[in-house]
Amino acid sequence: MTTVSGFRGFLFFPVLLLFAASPLRAAEIPSGNTPRDYDLAQNFPNPFNPSTVIRYAIPVRSHVLLTVHNLIGQVVATLVNGDQEAGFHEIRFQALSLSSGVYLYRLEAGKYVQTRKLTLIR
């Protein structure tokens, strides 16, 4: 049998990445309906075109501000700006008016602030 060196690993590598990129791993989901800590998950899929899902958790009722920024810091989209109950939340971000590139999404809730990267490919 003739094979190309590393070919078998190439077939399985994307599958491993798919599992590693899961936005909320089972170990992070507490048994009750209320999370123990604030959390901003990596968007999925990433890279994306034209929409992606952003998931986050807030342990207490908070004012939530979820924004998307370009790399020079300008806000290009405000996804959430208001009070939200404690729990697990998700929002679908439609980037129909944006060009390809790397963007940052930022969650501010209470004193918690977290920023992550997302990539739009057209």
N, C-alpha and C. Protein backbone atom coordinates (compact mmCIF):
# COMPACT_ATOMS: atom_id res chain seq x y z
N MET A 1 0.84 -1.18 0.00
CA MET A 1 0.00 0.00 0.00
C MET A 1 0.89 1.24 0.00
N THR A 2 0.63 2.15 -0.93
CA THR A 2 1.42 3.38 -1.03
C THR A 2 0.63 4.52 -0.41
N THR A 3 1.28 5.26 0.50
CA THR A 3 0.62 6.41 1.12
C THR A 3 1.58 7.59 1.13
N VAL A 4 1.03 8.75 1.21
CA VAL A 4 1.84 9.96 1.34
C VAL A 4 2.12 10.17 2.82
N SER A 5 3.35 10.44 3.15
CA SER A 5 3.72 10.62 4.55
C SER A 5 2.87 11.72 5.19
N GLY A 6 2.26 11.43 6.31
CA GLY A 6 1.45 12.41 7.03
C GLY A 6 0.03 12.56 6.50
N PHE A 7 -0.33 11.88 5.42
CA PHE A 7 -1.65 12.05 4.82
C PHE A 7 -2.76 11.63 5.78
N ARG A 8 -2.57 10.54 6.49
CA ARG A 8 -3.59 10.07 7.43
C ARG A 8 -3.83 11.11 8.53
N GLY A 9 -2.76 11.71 9.06
CA GLY A 9 -2.91 12.75 10.07
C GLY A 9 -3.64 13.97 9.52
N PHE A 10 -3.42 14.28 8.27
CA PHE A 10 -4.08 15.42 7.65
C PHE A 10 -5.59 15.22 7.62
N LEU A 11 -6.05 14.00 7.37
CA LEU A 11 -7.48 13.73 7.32
C LEU A 11 -8.14 13.92 8.68
N PHE A 12 -7.44 13.58 9.76
CA PHE A 12 -8.05 13.65 11.07
C PHE A 12 -7.81 14.98 11.77
N PHE A 13 -6.84 15.76 11.35
CA PHE A 13 -6.50 17.01 12.01
C PHE A 13 -7.67 18.00 12.08
N PRO A 14 -8.41 18.25 10.98
CA PRO A 14 -9.54 19.19 11.08
C PRO A 14 -10.62 18.73 12.06
N VAL A 15 -10.82 17.45 12.19
CA VAL A 15 -11.82 16.94 13.14
C VAL A 15 -11.41 17.28 14.56
N LEU A 16 -10.12 17.13 14.87
CA LEU A 16 -9.64 17.47 16.21
C LEU A 16 -9.80 18.96 16.49
N LEU A 17 -9.54 19.80 15.52
CA LEU A 17 -9.72 21.23 15.71
C LEU A 17 -11.18 21.58 15.95
N LEU A 18 -12.08 20.90 15.27
CA LEU A 18 -13.49 21.17 15.44
C LEU A 18 -13.91 20.94 16.89
N PHE A 19 -13.44 19.88 17.51
CA PHE A 19 -13.79 19.61 18.90
C PHE A 19 -13.11 20.60 19.83
N ALA A 20 -11.87 20.97 19.54
CA ALA A 20 -11.14 21.90 20.40
C ALA A 20 -11.74 23.30 20.35
N ALA A 21 -12.42 23.65 19.26
CA ALA A 21 -12.95 24.99 19.10
C ALA A 21 -14.38 25.12 19.62
N SER A 22 -14.91 24.09 20.26
CA SER A 22 -16.28 24.13 20.77
C SER A 22 -16.45 25.32 21.71
N PRO A 23 -17.47 26.20 21.49
CA PRO A 23 -17.62 27.41 22.28
C PRO A 23 -17.80 27.18 23.78
N LEU A 24 -18.60 26.22 24.18
CA LEU A 24 -18.77 25.92 25.60
C LEU A 24 -18.51 24.44 25.82
N ARG A 25 -17.42 24.14 26.49
CA ARG A 25 -17.11 22.74 26.79
C ARG A 25 -18.00 22.27 27.94
N ALA A 26 -18.32 21.00 27.96
CA ALA A 26 -19.22 20.45 28.98
C ALA A 26 -18.72 20.73 30.39
N ALA A 27 -17.41 20.76 30.59
CA ALA A 27 -16.86 20.99 31.92
C ALA A 27 -17.15 22.40 32.42
N GLU A 28 -17.43 23.33 31.52
CA GLU A 28 -17.69 24.72 31.90
C GLU A 28 -19.14 24.97 32.24
N ILE A 29 -20.02 24.04 31.97
CA ILE A 29 -21.45 24.25 32.20
C ILE A 29 -21.80 23.70 33.58
N PRO A 30 -22.16 24.59 34.52
CA PRO A 30 -22.52 24.12 35.86
C PRO A 30 -23.84 23.35 35.83
N SER A 31 -24.10 22.60 36.89
CA SER A 31 -25.28 21.75 36.92
C SER A 31 -26.58 22.53 36.98
N GLY A 32 -26.59 23.73 37.57
CA GLY A 32 -27.80 24.53 37.65
C GLY A 32 -27.96 25.42 36.44
N ASN A 33 -28.94 26.32 36.50
CA ASN A 33 -29.20 27.23 35.39
C ASN A 33 -28.37 28.50 35.45
N THR A 34 -27.67 28.74 36.56
CA THR A 34 -26.90 29.96 36.73
C THR A 34 -25.41 29.64 36.73
N PRO A 35 -24.64 30.32 35.89
CA PRO A 35 -23.20 30.08 35.88
C PRO A 35 -22.54 30.58 37.16
N ARG A 36 -21.40 30.02 37.51
CA ARG A 36 -20.66 30.43 38.70
C ARG A 36 -19.80 31.67 38.44
N ASP A 37 -19.35 31.83 37.19
CA ASP A 37 -18.42 32.91 36.84
C ASP A 37 -18.84 33.57 35.53
N TYR A 38 -18.31 34.75 35.32
CA TYR A 38 -18.45 35.40 34.01
C TYR A 38 -17.61 34.63 33.01
N ASP A 39 -18.07 34.59 31.76
CA ASP A 39 -17.29 33.92 30.72
C ASP A 39 -17.71 34.45 29.35
N LEU A 40 -16.71 34.65 28.51
CA LEU A 40 -16.95 35.00 27.11
C LEU A 40 -16.28 33.91 26.30
N ALA A 41 -17.08 33.12 25.60
CA ALA A 41 -16.56 32.00 24.82
C ALA A 41 -16.06 32.48 23.47
N GLN A 42 -15.20 31.68 22.86
CA GLN A 42 -14.75 31.97 21.50
C GLN A 42 -15.93 31.81 20.55
N ASN A 43 -16.07 32.74 19.61
CA ASN A 43 -17.18 32.63 18.66
C ASN A 43 -17.03 31.36 17.82
N PHE A 44 -18.16 30.91 17.29
CA PHE A 44 -18.14 29.69 16.48
C PHE A 44 -19.14 29.83 15.35
N PRO A 45 -18.82 29.58 14.13
CA PRO A 45 -17.49 29.19 13.67
C PRO A 45 -16.56 30.40 13.59
N ASN A 46 -15.29 30.12 13.55
CA ASN A 46 -14.27 31.15 13.43
C ASN A 46 -13.10 30.57 12.66
N PRO A 47 -12.77 31.03 11.49
CA PRO A 47 -13.35 32.17 10.77
C PRO A 47 -14.78 31.89 10.32
N PHE A 48 -15.47 32.98 9.95
CA PHE A 48 -16.88 32.85 9.59
C PHE A 48 -17.21 33.69 8.37
N ASN A 49 -18.37 33.40 7.76
CA ASN A 49 -18.91 34.17 6.64
C ASN A 49 -20.36 33.76 6.45
N PRO A 50 -21.32 34.58 6.57
CA PRO A 50 -21.31 35.96 7.05
C PRO A 50 -21.76 36.08 8.51
N SER A 51 -22.07 34.94 9.18
CA SER A 51 -22.56 35.06 10.56
C SER A 51 -21.84 34.07 11.47
N THR A 52 -21.84 34.41 12.75
CA THR A 52 -21.21 33.59 13.77
C THR A 52 -22.01 33.72 15.07
N VAL A 53 -21.83 32.79 15.98
CA VAL A 53 -22.52 32.81 17.26
C VAL A 53 -21.53 33.14 18.36
N ILE A 54 -21.91 34.09 19.21
CA ILE A 54 -21.10 34.48 20.37
C ILE A 54 -21.88 34.08 21.61
N ARG A 55 -21.23 33.32 22.49
CA ARG A 55 -21.87 32.86 23.73
C ARG A 55 -21.14 33.46 24.93
N TYR A 56 -21.92 33.78 25.95
CA TYR A 56 -21.32 34.32 27.17
C TYR A 56 -22.19 33.95 28.36
N ALA A 57 -21.58 34.02 29.55
CA ALA A 57 -22.28 33.67 30.78
C ALA A 57 -22.10 34.80 31.78
N ILE A 58 -23.19 35.13 32.49
CA ILE A 58 -23.10 36.11 33.57
C ILE A 58 -23.76 35.50 34.81
N PRO A 59 -23.06 35.54 35.96
CA PRO A 59 -23.58 34.87 37.16
C PRO A 59 -24.63 35.67 37.93
N VAL A 60 -24.70 36.98 37.71
CA VAL A 60 -25.70 37.83 38.38
C VAL A 60 -26.27 38.80 37.37
N ARG A 61 -27.47 39.30 37.65
CA ARG A 61 -28.08 40.30 36.76
C ARG A 61 -27.10 41.46 36.62
N SER A 62 -26.83 41.84 35.37
CA SER A 62 -25.82 42.87 35.10
C SER A 62 -26.22 43.70 33.89
N HIS A 63 -25.64 44.90 33.83
CA HIS A 63 -25.73 45.66 32.59
C HIS A 63 -24.67 45.07 31.66
N VAL A 64 -25.09 44.65 30.47
CA VAL A 64 -24.20 43.97 29.53
C VAL A 64 -24.00 44.86 28.31
N LEU A 65 -22.73 45.01 27.94
CA LEU A 65 -22.37 45.72 26.72
C LEU A 65 -21.48 44.77 25.92
N LEU A 66 -21.98 44.34 24.75
CA LEU A 66 -21.23 43.45 23.86
C LEU A 66 -21.05 44.19 22.55
N THR A 67 -19.79 44.49 22.22
CA THR A 67 -19.48 45.28 21.03
C THR A 67 -18.46 44.58 20.16
N VAL A 68 -18.45 44.96 18.88
CA VAL A 68 -17.45 44.46 17.93
C VAL A 68 -16.65 45.67 17.47
N HIS A 69 -15.32 45.52 17.45
CA HIS A 69 -14.41 46.61 17.12
C HIS A 69 -13.51 46.21 15.96
N ASN A 70 -13.10 47.20 15.17
CA ASN A 70 -12.05 46.93 14.19
C ASN A 70 -10.70 47.01 14.92
N LEU A 71 -9.61 46.77 14.20
CA LEU A 71 -8.31 46.70 14.87
C LEU A 71 -7.76 48.05 15.30
N ILE A 72 -8.39 49.15 14.90
CA ILE A 72 -7.95 50.44 15.42
C ILE A 72 -8.86 50.92 16.55
N GLY A 73 -9.75 50.05 17.01
CA GLY A 73 -10.55 50.33 18.19
C GLY A 73 -11.91 50.94 17.96
N GLN A 74 -12.29 51.18 16.73
CA GLN A 74 -13.60 51.76 16.44
C GLN A 74 -14.69 50.71 16.60
N VAL A 75 -15.79 51.09 17.22
CA VAL A 75 -16.94 50.19 17.36
C VAL A 75 -17.62 50.08 16.00
N VAL A 76 -17.72 48.85 15.49
CA VAL A 76 -18.40 48.63 14.20
C VAL A 76 -19.78 48.02 14.39
N ALA A 77 -20.05 47.49 15.58
CA ALA A 77 -21.37 46.93 15.88
C ALA A 77 -21.57 46.86 17.40
N THR A 78 -22.77 47.20 17.84
CA THR A 78 -23.16 47.00 19.22
C THR A 78 -24.22 45.91 19.22
N LEU A 79 -23.88 44.76 19.81
CA LEU A 79 -24.78 43.61 19.77
C LEU A 79 -25.74 43.57 20.96
N VAL A 80 -25.26 43.99 22.13
CA VAL A 80 -26.10 44.03 23.34
C VAL A 80 -25.72 45.28 24.11
N ASN A 81 -26.74 45.99 24.59
CA ASN A 81 -26.51 47.14 25.46
C ASN A 81 -27.72 47.28 26.37
N GLY A 82 -27.70 46.56 27.49
CA GLY A 82 -28.83 46.61 28.41
C GLY A 82 -28.68 45.62 29.53
N ASP A 83 -29.61 45.66 30.46
CA ASP A 83 -29.60 44.75 31.60
C ASP A 83 -30.02 43.35 31.15
N GLN A 84 -29.35 42.35 31.69
CA GLN A 84 -29.70 40.96 31.40
C GLN A 84 -29.67 40.15 32.69
N GLU A 85 -30.55 39.16 32.74
CA GLU A 85 -30.59 38.25 33.88
C GLU A 85 -29.37 37.34 33.88
N ALA A 86 -29.06 36.80 35.03
CA ALA A 86 -27.97 35.82 35.14
C ALA A 86 -28.30 34.62 34.27
N GLY A 87 -27.28 34.03 33.69
CA GLY A 87 -27.50 32.84 32.88
C GLY A 87 -26.55 32.76 31.71
N PHE A 88 -26.82 31.80 30.84
CA PHE A 88 -26.04 31.59 29.63
C PHE A 88 -26.77 32.27 28.48
N HIS A 89 -26.04 33.04 27.71
CA HIS A 89 -26.65 33.81 26.62
C HIS A 89 -25.87 33.56 25.34
N GLU A 90 -26.56 33.72 24.21
CA GLU A 90 -25.87 33.66 22.92
C GLU A 90 -26.55 34.62 21.97
N ILE A 91 -25.75 35.12 21.04
CA ILE A 91 -26.25 36.04 20.04
C ILE A 91 -25.59 35.72 18.71
N ARG A 92 -26.35 35.81 17.66
CA ARG A 92 -25.81 35.60 16.31
C ARG A 92 -25.40 36.95 15.76
N PHE A 93 -24.14 37.06 15.37
CA PHE A 93 -23.60 38.28 14.79
C PHE A 93 -23.59 38.15 13.27
N GLN A 94 -24.35 39.02 12.60
CA GLN A 94 -24.42 39.07 11.14
C GLN A 94 -23.48 40.17 10.67
N ALA A 95 -22.44 39.82 9.94
CA ALA A 95 -21.44 40.80 9.51
C ALA A 95 -21.60 41.11 8.03
N LEU A 96 -22.80 41.34 7.59
CA LEU A 96 -23.07 41.55 6.17
C LEU A 96 -22.44 42.82 5.62
N SER A 97 -22.28 43.84 6.44
CA SER A 97 -21.76 45.12 5.94
C SER A 97 -20.26 45.29 6.17
N LEU A 98 -19.61 44.30 6.76
CA LEU A 98 -18.18 44.42 7.05
C LEU A 98 -17.33 43.73 5.99
N SER A 99 -16.12 44.20 5.83
CA SER A 99 -15.19 43.57 4.89
C SER A 99 -14.40 42.48 5.61
N SER A 100 -13.74 41.65 4.85
CA SER A 100 -12.91 40.58 5.41
C SER A 100 -11.87 41.18 6.34
N GLY A 101 -11.55 40.45 7.39
CA GLY A 101 -10.51 40.92 8.30
C GLY A 101 -10.69 40.38 9.69
N VAL A 102 -9.79 40.81 10.56
CA VAL A 102 -9.82 40.43 11.97
C VAL A 102 -10.51 41.53 12.74
N TYR A 103 -11.41 41.14 13.62
CA TYR A 103 -12.15 42.06 14.47
C TYR A 103 -12.04 41.57 15.91
N LEU A 104 -12.36 42.44 16.84
CA LEU A 104 -12.36 42.10 18.26
C LEU A 104 -13.78 42.24 18.79
N TYR A 105 -14.21 41.29 19.62
CA TYR A 105 -15.49 41.47 20.29
C TYR A 105 -15.23 41.53 21.79
N ARG A 106 -15.97 42.42 22.45
CA ARG A 106 -15.68 42.76 23.85
C ARG A 106 -16.97 42.68 24.66
N LEU A 107 -16.87 41.99 25.79
CA LEU A 107 -17.99 41.88 26.72
C LEU A 107 -17.65 42.66 27.98
N GLU A 108 -18.54 43.57 28.35
CA GLU A 108 -18.44 44.28 29.62
C GLU A 108 -19.71 43.98 30.39
N ALA A 109 -19.57 43.38 31.58
CA ALA A 109 -20.71 43.05 32.43
C ALA A 109 -20.27 43.20 33.88
N GLY A 110 -20.89 44.13 34.59
CA GLY A 110 -20.42 44.41 35.94
C GLY A 110 -18.98 44.91 35.85
N LYS A 111 -18.09 44.30 36.63
CA LYS A 111 -16.67 44.67 36.59
C LYS A 111 -15.87 43.76 35.66
N TYR A 112 -16.56 42.81 35.03
CA TYR A 112 -15.91 41.86 34.12
C TYR A 112 -15.76 42.48 32.74
N VAL A 113 -14.56 42.37 32.19
CA VAL A 113 -14.28 42.82 30.82
C VAL A 113 -13.42 41.76 30.16
N GLN A 114 -13.84 41.30 28.99
CA GLN A 114 -13.08 40.28 28.24
C GLN A 114 -13.18 40.62 26.76
N THR A 115 -12.07 40.45 26.06
CA THR A 115 -12.03 40.69 24.62
C THR A 115 -11.49 39.46 23.92
N ARG A 116 -12.08 39.11 22.79
CA ARG A 116 -11.62 37.98 21.97
C ARG A 116 -11.58 38.42 20.50
N LYS A 117 -10.89 37.61 19.71
CA LYS A 117 -10.69 37.89 18.30
C LYS A 117 -11.62 37.05 17.45
N LEU A 118 -12.13 37.62 16.37
CA LEU A 118 -12.89 36.85 15.38
C LEU A 118 -12.42 37.26 13.99
N THR A 119 -12.56 36.34 13.05
CA THR A 119 -12.07 36.56 11.69
C THR A 119 -13.20 36.35 10.69
N LEU A 120 -13.43 37.40 9.88
CA LEU A 120 -14.43 37.35 8.83
C LEU A 120 -13.72 37.12 7.50
N ILE A 121 -14.14 36.09 6.78
CA ILE A 121 -13.56 35.79 5.47
C ILE A 121 -14.67 35.82 4.44
N ARG A 122 -14.54 36.66 3.46
CA ARG A 122 -15.53 36.78 2.38
C ARG A 122 -15.15 35.91 1.22
